[in-house]
Amino acid sequence: MEIIVLIVFGLSVGSFLNVVIYRLPRNESLAFPRSHCPACNEQLRWFHNLPVVSFLALRRRCARCRAPISWRYPLVEIATAGIFWLCWSHFRDQPLHALFSAIFLLILLVLSFIDLEHMILPDELTLGGAAVFLAYSFFHPGFSSPWTGVATALGAAAVFAGLFFFYIKVRGMEGLGFGDVKLMLMLGAFLGLEGLVVALLLASFCGLIVGGFMILFRGKDLKLALPFGPFLALGAFFSLFWGAKILAAIQSWVMTG
């Protein structure tokens, strides 16, 4: 019963997150008007807005104009339900940490899809999230010092800001967006130093693999603009749940290599 409640709640929250993903970068109100088809502006009836179910029942088409519905909608809803379940199953004995872990990952989920579509990381989410998790870092059960989150966040943001301006100075172009610098505040505040290192290693590895694939097999050049936010989010996801094991495996590999 517990799992069912978490999944249903997660799907419902995911439906709202889809609204945020679509409207926030367009500077539209998150509350008004009600959900509508972006192609014909037809207002959705309640039974057209059921998470996942409506997508399947409508066969991925608007009920009125038959315009295709993006796969993003069920993906975000299912991912949100999965995040709630994972956070609860991993941090069941620390309910407050489970809640903040879910909020952390949901913000990253929204940022990832916005970055993929618009190549931006809205300040409302990066700086807003940083403020929330900097405050929470003083109560974080995994930190040895109440200042761990603050120190990691400021240090990481400073390093990324230095890289940002250095790349512009040397190459005359941005190597990463300044939104990534702001995102580092949030990641550092919640993950701490070791968790952030794991997240960065995983993000860099995944970014190199995807970027290399696109250059070799998709005919892209070395100036390919690839949003780094989704890779940071993916790295943070694995770091949050399995960071200690990943770090131990890396250290073991380095020592034996």
C-alpha atoms as a PDB file:
ATOM      1  CA  MET A   1       0.000   0.000   0.000  1.00  0.00           C
ATOM      2  CA  GLU A   2       2.865   2.327   0.872  1.00  0.00           C
ATOM      3  CA  ILE A   3       4.472   1.845  -2.536  1.00  0.00           C
ATOM      4  CA  ILE A   4       1.174   2.448  -4.337  1.00  0.00           C
ATOM      5  CA  VAL A   5       0.640   5.734  -2.491  1.00  0.00           C
ATOM      6  CA  LEU A   6       4.190   6.870  -3.316  1.00  0.00           C
ATOM      7  CA  ILE A   7       3.799   5.986  -6.991  1.00  0.00           C
ATOM      8  CA  VAL A   8       0.418   7.694  -7.379  1.00  0.00           C
ATOM      9  CA  PHE A   9       1.668  10.778  -5.551  1.00  0.00           C
ATOM     10  CA  GLY A  10       4.854  10.788  -7.625  1.00  0.00           C
ATOM     11  CA  LEU A  11       2.948  10.553 -10.902  1.00  0.00           C
ATOM     12  CA  SER A  12       0.769  13.491  -9.853  1.00  0.00           C
ATOM     13  CA  VAL A  13       3.779  15.603  -8.886  1.00  0.00           C
ATOM     14  CA  GLY A  14       5.406  14.633 -12.180  1.00  0.00           C
ATOM     15  CA  SER A  15       2.394  15.969 -14.050  1.00  0.00           C
ATOM     16  CA  PHE A  16       2.935  19.356 -12.398  1.00  0.00           C
ATOM     17  CA  LEU A  17       6.665  19.242 -13.118  1.00  0.00           C
ATOM     18  CA  ASN A  18       5.824  18.925 -16.810  1.00  0.00           C
ATOM     19  CA  VAL A  19       3.994  22.232 -16.501  1.00  0.00           C
ATOM     20  CA  VAL A  20       7.092  23.774 -14.907  1.00  0.00           C
ATOM     21  CA  ILE A  21       9.360  22.390 -17.645  1.00  0.00           C
ATOM     22  CA  TYR A  22       7.162  23.839 -20.379  1.00  0.00           C
ATOM     23  CA  ARG A  23       6.191  27.182 -18.851  1.00  0.00           C
ATOM     24  CA  LEU A  24       9.142  28.366 -16.744  1.00  0.00           C
ATOM     25  CA  PRO A  25      11.576  28.999 -19.634  1.00  0.00           C
ATOM     26  CA  ARG A  26       8.756  30.750 -21.513  1.00  0.00           C
ATOM     27  CA  ASN A  27       8.071  33.045 -18.525  1.00  0.00           C
ATOM     28  CA  GLU A  28       4.476  31.824 -18.319  1.00  0.00           C
ATOM     29  CA  SER A  29       2.442  31.518 -15.136  1.00  0.00           C
ATOM     30  CA  LEU A  30       2.644  28.092 -13.525  1.00  0.00           C
ATOM     31  CA  ALA A  31      -0.918  28.372 -12.227  1.00  0.00           C
ATOM     32  CA  PHE A  32      -2.925  29.972 -15.036  1.00  0.00           C
ATOM     33  CA  PRO A  33      -4.310  29.138 -17.491  1.00  0.00           C
ATOM     34  CA  ARG A  34      -5.158  25.484 -16.971  1.00  0.00           C
ATOM     35  CA  SER A  35      -3.270  22.840 -18.919  1.00  0.00           C
ATOM     36  CA  HIS A  36      -3.880  23.041 -22.651  1.00  0.00           C
ATOM     37  CA  CYS A  37      -2.602  21.605 -25.908  1.00  0.00           C
ATOM     38  CA  PRO A  38       0.384  23.693 -27.081  1.00  0.00           C
ATOM     39  CA  ALA A  39      -0.637  23.114 -30.713  1.00  0.00           C
ATOM     40  CA  CYS A  40      -4.333  24.116 -30.705  1.00  0.00           C
ATOM     41  CA  ASN A  41      -4.638  25.693 -27.202  1.00  0.00           C
ATOM     42  CA  GLU A  42      -7.590  23.437 -26.381  1.00  0.00           C
ATOM     43  CA  GLN A  43      -8.013  23.290 -22.601  1.00  0.00           C
ATOM     44  CA  LEU A  44      -7.516  19.757 -21.343  1.00  0.00           C
ATOM     45  CA  ARG A  45     -10.396  18.079 -19.554  1.00  0.00           C
ATOM     46  CA  TRP A  46      -9.583  16.279 -16.331  1.00  0.00           C
ATOM     47  CA  PHE A  47      -9.628  12.830 -17.930  1.00  0.00           C
ATOM     48  CA  HIS A  48      -7.183  14.033 -20.600  1.00  0.00           C
ATOM     49  CA  ASN A  49      -4.704  15.011 -17.900  1.00  0.00           C
ATOM     50  CA  LEU A  50      -4.280  11.769 -15.971  1.00  0.00           C
ATOM     51  CA  PRO A  51      -0.572  10.950 -15.588  1.00  0.00           C
ATOM     52  CA  VAL A  52       0.620   8.281 -18.060  1.00  0.00           C
ATOM     53  CA  VAL A  53      -2.909   6.849 -18.446  1.00  0.00           C
ATOM     54  CA  SER A  54      -4.169   9.683 -20.659  1.00  0.00           C
ATOM     55  CA  PHE A  55      -1.007   9.550 -22.769  1.00  0.00           C
ATOM     56  CA  LEU A  56      -1.628   5.872 -23.493  1.00  0.00           C
ATOM     57  CA  ALA A  57      -5.398   6.207 -23.920  1.00  0.00           C
ATOM     58  CA  LEU A  58      -5.018   9.077 -26.403  1.00  0.00           C
ATOM     59  CA  ARG A  59      -2.303   7.154 -28.252  1.00  0.00           C
ATOM     60  CA  ARG A  60       0.082  10.072 -27.931  1.00  0.00           C
ATOM     61  CA  ARG A  61      -2.265  12.468 -29.729  1.00  0.00           C
ATOM     62  CA  CYS A  62      -4.235  15.556 -28.710  1.00  0.00           C
ATOM     63  CA  ALA A  63      -7.914  14.650 -28.342  1.00  0.00           C
ATOM     64  CA  ARG A  64      -8.951  17.589 -30.534  1.00  0.00           C
ATOM     65  CA  CYS A  65      -6.288  18.429 -33.136  1.00  0.00           C
ATOM     66  CA  ARG A  66      -4.452  15.068 -33.057  1.00  0.00           C
ATOM     67  CA  ALA A  67      -1.087  16.798 -32.701  1.00  0.00           C
ATOM     68  CA  PRO A  68       1.545  14.429 -31.256  1.00  0.00           C
ATOM     69  CA  ILE A  69       2.184  14.581 -27.505  1.00  0.00           C
ATOM     70  CA  SER A  70       5.834  14.565 -26.460  1.00  0.00           C
ATOM     71  CA  TRP A  71       7.242  11.452 -24.804  1.00  0.00           C
ATOM     72  CA  ARG A  72       8.640  13.817 -22.187  1.00  0.00           C
ATOM     73  CA  TYR A  73       5.299  13.865 -20.348  1.00  0.00           C
ATOM     74  CA  PRO A  74       5.135  10.192 -19.317  1.00  0.00           C
ATOM     75  CA  LEU A  75       8.922  10.022 -18.880  1.00  0.00           C
ATOM     76  CA  VAL A  76       8.907  12.858 -16.336  1.00  0.00           C
ATOM     77  CA  GLU A  77       5.881  11.413 -14.532  1.00  0.00           C
ATOM     78  CA  ILE A  78       7.410   7.937 -14.282  1.00  0.00           C
ATOM     79  CA  ALA A  79      10.819   9.349 -13.296  1.00  0.00           C
ATOM     80  CA  THR A  80       9.201  11.412 -10.537  1.00  0.00           C
ATOM     81  CA  ALA A  81       7.414   8.376  -9.135  1.00  0.00           C
ATOM     82  CA  GLY A  82      10.696   6.467  -9.242  1.00  0.00           C
ATOM     83  CA  ILE A  83      12.513   9.260  -7.411  1.00  0.00           C
ATOM     84  CA  PHE A  84       9.985   9.242  -4.576  1.00  0.00           C
ATOM     85  CA  TRP A  85      10.241   5.472  -4.263  1.00  0.00           C
ATOM     86  CA  LEU A  86      14.059   5.456  -4.324  1.00  0.00           C
ATOM     87  CA  CYS A  87      14.384   8.246  -1.767  1.00  0.00           C
ATOM     88  CA  TRP A  88      11.934   6.592   0.585  1.00  0.00           C
ATOM     89  CA  SER A  89      13.476   3.134   0.236  1.00  0.00           C
ATOM     90  CA  HIS A  90      17.035   4.416   0.767  1.00  0.00           C
ATOM     91  CA  PHE A  91      16.382   6.929   3.548  1.00  0.00           C
ATOM     92  CA  ARG A  92      13.347   5.419   5.255  1.00  0.00           C
ATOM     93  CA  ASP A  93      14.920   5.854   8.691  1.00  0.00           C
ATOM     94  CA  GLN A  94      15.603   9.556   7.974  1.00  0.00           C
ATOM     95  CA  PRO A  95      12.268  10.943   6.714  1.00  0.00           C
ATOM     96  CA  LEU A  96      13.457  14.571   6.554  1.00  0.00           C
ATOM     97  CA  HIS A  97      16.503  13.604   4.500  1.00  0.00           C
ATOM     98  CA  ALA A  98      14.318  11.462   2.243  1.00  0.00           C
ATOM     99  CA  LEU A  99      12.105  14.488   1.592  1.00  0.00           C
ATOM    100  CA  PHE A 100      14.992  16.840   0.820  1.00  0.00           C
ATOM    101  CA  SER A 101      16.651  14.188  -1.343  1.00  0.00           C
ATOM    102  CA  ALA A 102      13.467  13.925  -3.395  1.00  0.00           C
ATOM    103  CA  ILE A 103      13.235  17.712  -3.742  1.00  0.00           C
ATOM    104  CA  PHE A 104      16.903  17.825  -4.783  1.00  0.00           C
ATOM    105  CA  LEU A 105      16.442  15.218  -7.511  1.00  0.00           C
ATOM    106  CA  LEU A 106      13.166  16.686  -8.758  1.00  0.00           C
ATOM    107  CA  ILE A 107      14.796  20.082  -9.234  1.00  0.00           C
ATOM    108  CA  LEU A 108      17.584  18.371 -11.181  1.00  0.00           C
ATOM    109  CA  LEU A 109      15.016  16.500 -13.275  1.00  0.00           C
ATOM    110  CA  VAL A 110      13.283  19.733 -14.260  1.00  0.00           C
ATOM    111  CA  LEU A 111      16.592  21.489 -14.929  1.00  0.00           C
ATOM    112  CA  SER A 112      17.754  18.631 -17.149  1.00  0.00           C
ATOM    113  CA  PHE A 113      14.771  18.765 -19.482  1.00  0.00           C
ATOM    114  CA  ILE A 114      14.830  22.565 -19.649  1.00  0.00           C
ATOM    115  CA  ASP A 115      18.557  22.531 -20.418  1.00  0.00           C
ATOM    116  CA  LEU A 116      18.104  19.903 -23.131  1.00  0.00           C
ATOM    117  CA  GLU A 117      15.391  21.919 -24.853  1.00  0.00           C
ATOM    118  CA  HIS A 118      16.449  25.525 -24.234  1.00  0.00           C
ATOM    119  CA  MET A 119      20.139  25.339 -23.215  1.00  0.00           C
ATOM    120  CA  ILE A 120      19.423  27.339 -20.052  1.00  0.00           C
ATOM    121  CA  LEU A 121      19.318  26.625 -16.321  1.00  0.00           C
ATOM    122  CA  PRO A 122      16.795  29.055 -14.786  1.00  0.00           C
ATOM    123  CA  ASP A 123      17.954  31.003 -11.736  1.00  0.00           C
ATOM    124  CA  GLU A 124      14.644  30.284 -10.029  1.00  0.00           C
ATOM    125  CA  LEU A 125      15.720  26.653  -9.757  1.00  0.00           C
ATOM    126  CA  THR A 126      19.522  26.835  -9.470  1.00  0.00           C
ATOM    127  CA  LEU A 127      19.778  29.733  -7.026  1.00  0.00           C
ATOM    128  CA  GLY A 128      16.487  28.885  -5.337  1.00  0.00           C
ATOM    129  CA  GLY A 129      17.663  25.311  -4.859  1.00  0.00           C
ATOM    130  CA  ALA A 130      21.049  26.508  -3.627  1.00  0.00           C
ATOM    131  CA  ALA A 131      19.375  28.664  -0.966  1.00  0.00           C
ATOM    132  CA  VAL A 132      17.208  25.767   0.220  1.00  0.00           C
ATOM    133  CA  PHE A 133      20.038  23.247   0.415  1.00  0.00           C
ATOM    134  CA  LEU A 134      22.544  25.658   1.928  1.00  0.00           C
ATOM    135  CA  ALA A 135      20.058  26.110   4.764  1.00  0.00           C
ATOM    136  CA  TYR A 136      19.468  22.356   4.994  1.00  0.00           C
ATOM    137  CA  SER A 137      23.209  21.619   4.954  1.00  0.00           C
ATOM    138  CA  PHE A 138      23.410  22.662   8.615  1.00  0.00           C
ATOM    139  CA  PHE A 139      21.118  19.710   9.450  1.00  0.00           C
ATOM    140  CA  HIS A 140      22.407  17.242   6.842  1.00  0.00           C
ATOM    141  CA  PRO A 141      22.878  13.851   8.573  1.00  0.00           C
ATOM    142  CA  GLY A 142      25.795  12.888   6.337  1.00  0.00           C
ATOM    143  CA  PHE A 143      28.007  15.912   7.021  1.00  0.00           C
ATOM    144  CA  SER A 144      30.649  15.821   9.752  1.00  0.00           C
ATOM    145  CA  SER A 145      30.522  19.611  10.127  1.00  0.00           C
ATOM    146  CA  PRO A 146      27.574  21.999   9.758  1.00  0.00           C
ATOM    147  CA  TRP A 147      29.756  24.079   7.431  1.00  0.00           C
ATOM    148  CA  THR A 148      30.583  21.235   5.032  1.00  0.00           C
ATOM    149  CA  GLY A 149      27.821  22.098   2.588  1.00  0.00           C
ATOM    150  CA  VAL A 150      28.568  25.823   2.595  1.00  0.00           C
ATOM    151  CA  ALA A 151      32.313  25.339   2.081  1.00  0.00           C
ATOM    152  CA  THR A 152      31.813  22.779  -0.702  1.00  0.00           C
ATOM    153  CA  ALA A 153      29.198  24.888  -2.468  1.00  0.00           C
ATOM    154  CA  LEU A 154      31.261  28.069  -2.445  1.00  0.00           C
ATOM    155  CA  GLY A 155      34.460  26.256  -3.394  1.00  0.00           C
ATOM    156  CA  ALA A 156      32.847  24.389  -6.291  1.00  0.00           C
ATOM    157  CA  ALA A 157      31.141  27.502  -7.623  1.00  0.00           C
ATOM    158  CA  ALA A 158      34.408  29.450  -7.398  1.00  0.00           C
ATOM    159  CA  VAL A 159      36.312  26.764  -9.336  1.00  0.00           C
ATOM    160  CA  PHE A 160      33.655  26.552 -12.051  1.00  0.00           C
ATOM    161  CA  ALA A 161      33.468  30.350 -12.282  1.00  0.00           C
ATOM    162  CA  GLY A 162      37.241  30.431 -12.735  1.00  0.00           C
ATOM    163  CA  LEU A 163      36.998  27.843 -15.522  1.00  0.00           C
ATOM    164  CA  PHE A 164      34.163  29.805 -17.117  1.00  0.00           C
ATOM    165  CA  PHE A 165      36.126  33.055 -17.341  1.00  0.00           C
ATOM    166  CA  PHE A 166      39.426  31.316 -18.166  1.00  0.00           C
ATOM    167  CA  TYR A 167      37.890  29.575 -21.175  1.00  0.00           C
ATOM    168  CA  ILE A 168      36.387  32.828 -22.417  1.00  0.00           C
ATOM    169  CA  LYS A 169      39.761  34.560 -22.021  1.00  0.00           C
ATOM    170  CA  VAL A 170      41.720  31.839 -23.820  1.00  0.00           C
ATOM    171  CA  ARG A 171      39.244  30.672 -26.462  1.00  0.00           C
ATOM    172  CA  GLY A 172      37.012  33.717 -26.789  1.00  0.00           C
ATOM    173  CA  MET A 173      33.899  31.605 -26.223  1.00  0.00           C
ATOM    174  CA  GLU A 174      32.023  29.914 -23.401  1.00  0.00           C
ATOM    175  CA  GLY A 175      33.176  26.402 -22.550  1.00  0.00           C
ATOM    176  CA  LEU A 176      30.273  25.959 -20.144  1.00  0.00           C
ATOM    177  CA  GLY A 177      27.301  28.084 -19.257  1.00  0.00           C
ATOM    178  CA  PHE A 178      27.241  30.294 -16.182  1.00  0.00           C
ATOM    179  CA  GLY A 179      24.097  28.416 -15.188  1.00  0.00           C
ATOM    180  CA  ASP A 180      26.360  25.429 -14.517  1.00  0.00           C
ATOM    181  CA  VAL A 181      28.334  27.591 -12.085  1.00  0.00           C
ATOM    182  CA  LYS A 182      25.146  28.403 -10.180  1.00  0.00           C
ATOM    183  CA  LEU A 183      24.115  24.756 -10.267  1.00  0.00           C
ATOM    184  CA  MET A 184      27.381  23.856  -8.537  1.00  0.00           C
ATOM    185  CA  LEU A 185      26.234  25.842  -5.511  1.00  0.00           C
ATOM    186  CA  MET A 186      23.230  23.562  -5.171  1.00  0.00           C
ATOM    187  CA  LEU A 187      25.136  20.344  -5.811  1.00  0.00           C
ATOM    188  CA  GLY A 188      27.920  21.216  -3.383  1.00  0.00           C
ATOM    189  CA  ALA A 189      25.489  22.248  -0.669  1.00  0.00           C
ATOM    190  CA  PHE A 190      23.646  18.931  -0.751  1.00  0.00           C
ATOM    191  CA  LEU A 191      26.282  16.379  -1.778  1.00  0.00           C
ATOM    192  CA  GLY A 192      29.306  17.610   0.157  1.00  0.00           C
ATOM    193  CA  LEU A 193      32.873  17.319  -1.113  1.00  0.00           C
ATOM    194  CA  GLU A 194      33.139  13.561  -1.690  1.00  0.00           C
ATOM    195  CA  GLY A 195      29.673  13.317  -3.201  1.00  0.00           C
ATOM    196  CA  LEU A 196      30.381  16.248  -5.490  1.00  0.00           C
ATOM    197  CA  VAL A 197      33.663  14.721  -6.671  1.00  0.00           C
ATOM    198  CA  VAL A 198      31.843  11.511  -7.627  1.00  0.00           C
ATOM    199  CA  ALA A 199      29.107  13.486  -9.395  1.00  0.00           C
ATOM    200  CA  LEU A 200      31.661  15.504 -11.387  1.00  0.00           C
ATOM    201  CA  LEU A 201      33.638  12.414 -12.392  1.00  0.00           C
ATOM    202  CA  LEU A 202      30.504  10.645 -13.604  1.00  0.00           C
ATOM    203  CA  ALA A 203      29.197  13.762 -15.359  1.00  0.00           C
ATOM    204  CA  SER A 204      32.500  14.343 -17.143  1.00  0.00           C
ATOM    205  CA  PHE A 205      32.769  10.704 -18.197  1.00  0.00           C
ATOM    206  CA  CYS A 206      29.204  10.617 -19.557  1.00  0.00           C
ATOM    207  CA  GLY A 207      29.686  13.979 -21.284  1.00  0.00           C
ATOM    208  CA  LEU A 208      32.852  12.747 -22.996  1.00  0.00           C
ATOM    209  CA  ILE A 209      31.140   9.558 -24.160  1.00  0.00           C
ATOM    210  CA  VAL A 210      28.080  11.343 -25.559  1.00  0.00           C
ATOM    211  CA  GLY A 211      30.111  14.200 -27.049  1.00  0.00           C
ATOM    212  CA  GLY A 212      32.566  11.783 -28.635  1.00  0.00           C
ATOM    213  CA  PHE A 213      29.726   9.724 -30.081  1.00  0.00           C
ATOM    214  CA  MET A 214      28.099  12.798 -31.627  1.00  0.00           C
ATOM    215  CA  ILE A 215      31.400  13.963 -33.124  1.00  0.00           C
ATOM    216  CA  LEU A 216      32.359  10.552 -34.520  1.00  0.00           C
ATOM    217  CA  PHE A 217      28.990   9.253 -35.679  1.00  0.00           C
ATOM    218  CA  ARG A 218      26.767  12.308 -36.079  1.00  0.00           C
ATOM    219  CA  GLY A 219      29.227  14.519 -37.949  1.00  0.00           C
ATOM    220  CA  LYS A 220      29.394  17.221 -35.257  1.00  0.00           C
ATOM    221  CA  ASP A 221      32.544  19.327 -34.816  1.00  0.00           C
ATOM    222  CA  LEU A 222      34.595  20.091 -31.713  1.00  0.00           C
ATOM    223  CA  LYS A 223      32.594  23.282 -31.141  1.00  0.00           C
ATOM    224  CA  LEU A 224      29.476  21.208 -30.503  1.00  0.00           C
ATOM    225  CA  ALA A 225      27.242  22.903 -27.913  1.00  0.00           C
ATOM    226  CA  LEU A 226      26.254  20.193 -25.459  1.00  0.00           C
ATOM    227  CA  PRO A 227      24.266  21.064 -22.321  1.00  0.00           C
ATOM    228  CA  PHE A 228      26.214  19.917 -19.267  1.00  0.00           C
ATOM    229  CA  GLY A 229      23.329  20.262 -16.806  1.00  0.00           C
ATOM    230  CA  PRO A 230      21.789  16.839 -17.559  1.00  0.00           C
ATOM    231  CA  PHE A 231      25.162  15.144 -17.072  1.00  0.00           C
ATOM    232  CA  LEU A 232      25.664  16.899 -13.734  1.00  0.00           C
ATOM    233  CA  ALA A 233      22.167  15.807 -12.733  1.00  0.00           C
ATOM    234  CA  LEU A 234      22.873  12.203 -13.721  1.00  0.00           C
ATOM    235  CA  GLY A 235      26.149  12.228 -11.815  1.00  0.00           C
ATOM    236  CA  ALA A 236      24.426  13.702  -8.752  1.00  0.00           C
ATOM    237  CA  PHE A 237      21.712  11.039  -8.930  1.00  0.00           C
ATOM    238  CA  PHE A 238      24.192   8.153  -8.787  1.00  0.00           C
ATOM    239  CA  SER A 239      26.341   9.958  -6.226  1.00  0.00           C
ATOM    240  CA  LEU A 240      23.411  10.474  -3.873  1.00  0.00           C
ATOM    241  CA  PHE A 241      22.500   6.797  -3.676  1.00  0.00           C
ATOM    242  CA  TRP A 242      25.740   4.964  -4.439  1.00  0.00           C
ATOM    243  CA  GLY A 243      28.453   7.622  -4.129  1.00  0.00           C
ATOM    244  CA  ALA A 244      30.391   5.918  -1.327  1.00  0.00           C
ATOM    245  CA  LYS A 245      30.562   2.618  -3.235  1.00  0.00           C
ATOM    246  CA  ILE A 246      31.555   4.350  -6.474  1.00  0.00           C
ATOM    247  CA  LEU A 247      34.281   6.360  -4.725  1.00  0.00           C
ATOM    248  CA  ALA A 248      35.615   3.223  -3.023  1.00  0.00           C
ATOM    249  CA  ALA A 249      35.693   1.416  -6.381  1.00  0.00           C
ATOM    250  CA  ILE A 250      37.561   4.319  -8.005  1.00  0.00           C
ATOM    251  CA  GLN A 251      40.086   4.477  -5.154  1.00  0.00           C
ATOM    252  CA  SER A 252      40.604   0.713  -5.338  1.00  0.00           C
ATOM    253  CA  TRP A 253      41.132   0.894  -9.105  1.00  0.00           C
ATOM    254  CA  VAL A 254      43.649   3.736  -8.751  1.00  0.00           C
ATOM    255  CA  MET A 255      45.573   1.962  -5.989  1.00  0.00           C
ATOM    256  CA  THR A 256      45.758  -1.350  -7.859  1.00  0.00           C
ATOM    257  CA  GLY A 257      46.348   0.275 -11.253  1.00  0.00           C
END
